[in-house]
Amino acid sequence: MVCSSLKTNMTDVNNLSSQQKAELNVATFLSWAAWKTAADFREIVARGQLNRMEIAKETGFAKLVLTQKA
C-alpha cells in the first residue's frame, strides 16, 4: 500500500495544479514501487508487461494516470 504520508484528501488534490498532481502521482508510484520485491512485480505481469489495472488498484490511481503521456 502507498505510504500514508503521501495520501492527501480529495479537496487538497482538487486544489493542486496539473504539474503538482503529476508530481504527487510520481511520488506515490515511486513509494509503491519501493515496497515491491522482484517476486511482487512478477506476480503482476500479464502478457509480458506489468498489469496497469493491478498497479492502479494498489496505488489508488485511475487507469488513465498510468496510460497518459507526459
C-alpha atoms as a PDB file:
ATOM      1  CA  MET A   1       0.000   0.000   0.000  1.00  0.00           C
ATOM      2  CA  VAL A   2       1.058   3.570  -0.544  1.00  0.00           C
ATOM      3  CA  CYS A   3       2.931   5.372   2.209  1.00  0.00           C
ATOM      4  CA  SER A   4       0.423   7.234   4.399  1.00  0.00           C
ATOM      5  CA  SER A   5       2.479  10.437   4.259  1.00  0.00           C
ATOM      6  CA  LEU A   6       1.669  10.669   0.538  1.00  0.00           C
ATOM      7  CA  LYS A   7      -2.068  10.358   0.996  1.00  0.00           C
ATOM      8  CA  THR A   8      -3.970  13.590   0.571  1.00  0.00           C
ATOM      9  CA  ASN A   9      -7.686  14.192   0.905  1.00  0.00           C
ATOM     10  CA  MET A  10      -9.623  14.848  -2.289  1.00  0.00           C
ATOM     11  CA  THR A  11     -10.210  18.539  -1.508  1.00  0.00           C
ATOM     12  CA  ASP A  12      -6.469  19.106  -1.286  1.00  0.00           C
ATOM     13  CA  VAL A  13      -5.842  17.182  -4.529  1.00  0.00           C
ATOM     14  CA  ASN A  14      -8.523  19.138  -6.378  1.00  0.00           C
ATOM     15  CA  ASN A  15      -6.749  22.379  -5.456  1.00  0.00           C
ATOM     16  CA  LEU A  16      -3.445  21.271  -6.994  1.00  0.00           C
ATOM     17  CA  SER A  17      -2.207  22.354 -10.402  1.00  0.00           C
ATOM     18  CA  SER A  18      -1.747  19.701 -13.087  1.00  0.00           C
ATOM     19  CA  GLN A  19       2.012  19.824 -12.508  1.00  0.00           C
ATOM     20  CA  GLN A  20       1.549  19.325  -8.762  1.00  0.00           C
ATOM     21  CA  LYS A  21      -0.824  16.385  -9.356  1.00  0.00           C
ATOM     22  CA  ALA A  22       1.734  14.823 -11.696  1.00  0.00           C
ATOM     23  CA  GLU A  23       4.461  15.239  -9.076  1.00  0.00           C
ATOM     24  CA  LEU A  24       2.216  13.677  -6.416  1.00  0.00           C
ATOM     25  CA  ASN A  25       1.467  10.762  -8.747  1.00  0.00           C
ATOM     26  CA  VAL A  26       5.176  10.191  -9.393  1.00  0.00           C
ATOM     27  CA  ALA A  27       5.934  10.280  -5.670  1.00  0.00           C
ATOM     28  CA  THR A  28       3.065   7.889  -4.953  1.00  0.00           C
ATOM     29  CA  PHE A  29       4.203   5.476  -7.668  1.00  0.00           C
ATOM     30  CA  LEU A  30       7.842   5.564  -6.536  1.00  0.00           C
ATOM     31  CA  SER A  31       6.796   4.928  -2.937  1.00  0.00           C
ATOM     32  CA  TRP A  32       4.620   1.991  -4.038  1.00  0.00           C
ATOM     33  CA  ALA A  33       7.405   0.559  -6.220  1.00  0.00           C
ATOM     34  CA  ALA A  34       9.992   0.881  -3.426  1.00  0.00           C
ATOM     35  CA  TRP A  35       7.993  -1.547  -1.294  1.00  0.00           C
ATOM     36  CA  LYS A  36       7.786  -4.173  -4.059  1.00  0.00           C
ATOM     37  CA  THR A  37      10.155  -7.093  -4.496  1.00  0.00           C
ATOM     38  CA  ALA A  38      11.092  -8.712  -7.794  1.00  0.00           C
ATOM     39  CA  ALA A  39       8.666 -11.503  -6.917  1.00  0.00           C
ATOM     40  CA  ASP A  40       5.880  -8.954  -6.329  1.00  0.00           C
ATOM     41  CA  PHE A  41       6.456  -7.477  -9.775  1.00  0.00           C
ATOM     42  CA  ARG A  42       6.470 -10.935 -11.397  1.00  0.00           C
ATOM     43  CA  GLU A  43       3.044 -11.572  -9.849  1.00  0.00           C
ATOM     44  CA  ILE A  44       1.510  -8.591 -11.640  1.00  0.00           C
ATOM     45  CA  VAL A  45       2.876  -9.298 -15.120  1.00  0.00           C
ATOM     46  CA  ALA A  46       0.344 -10.012 -17.849  1.00  0.00           C
ATOM     47  CA  ARG A  47       1.417 -10.784 -21.440  1.00  0.00           C
ATOM     48  CA  GLY A  48       4.967  -9.665 -20.699  1.00  0.00           C
ATOM     49  CA  GLN A  49       4.011  -6.262 -19.240  1.00  0.00           C
ATOM     50  CA  LEU A  50       3.115  -5.026 -15.801  1.00  0.00           C
ATOM     51  CA  ASN A  51      -0.655  -5.157 -15.328  1.00  0.00           C
ATOM     52  CA  ARG A  52      -1.687  -1.498 -15.206  1.00  0.00           C
ATOM     53  CA  MET A  53      -5.081  -2.292 -13.718  1.00  0.00           C
ATOM     54  CA  GLU A  54      -3.412  -4.053 -10.788  1.00  0.00           C
ATOM     55  CA  ILE A  55      -0.997  -1.156 -10.298  1.00  0.00           C
ATOM     56  CA  ALA A  56      -3.935   1.279 -10.424  1.00  0.00           C
ATOM     57  CA  LYS A  57      -5.779  -0.701  -7.745  1.00  0.00           C
ATOM     58  CA  GLU A  58      -2.755  -0.871  -5.481  1.00  0.00           C
ATOM     59  CA  THR A  59      -1.800   2.798  -5.837  1.00  0.00           C
ATOM     60  CA  GLY A  60      -5.312   4.245  -5.889  1.00  0.00           C
ATOM     61  CA  PHE A  61      -4.787   5.702  -9.379  1.00  0.00           C
ATOM     62  CA  ALA A  62      -7.319   5.779 -12.160  1.00  0.00           C
ATOM     63  CA  LYS A  63      -6.033   3.602 -15.016  1.00  0.00           C
ATOM     64  CA  LEU A  64      -5.720   6.758 -17.136  1.00  0.00           C
ATOM     65  CA  VAL A  65      -2.928   8.008 -14.866  1.00  0.00           C
ATOM     66  CA  LEU A  66      -0.800   5.046 -15.951  1.00  0.00           C
ATOM     67  CA  THR A  67      -1.511   5.366 -19.672  1.00  0.00           C
ATOM     68  CA  GLN A  68      -1.409   9.105 -20.353  1.00  0.00           C
ATOM     69  CA  LYS A  69       1.684  10.642 -21.850  1.00  0.00           C
ATOM     70  CA  ALA A  70       3.672  13.296 -20.070  1.00  0.00           C
END
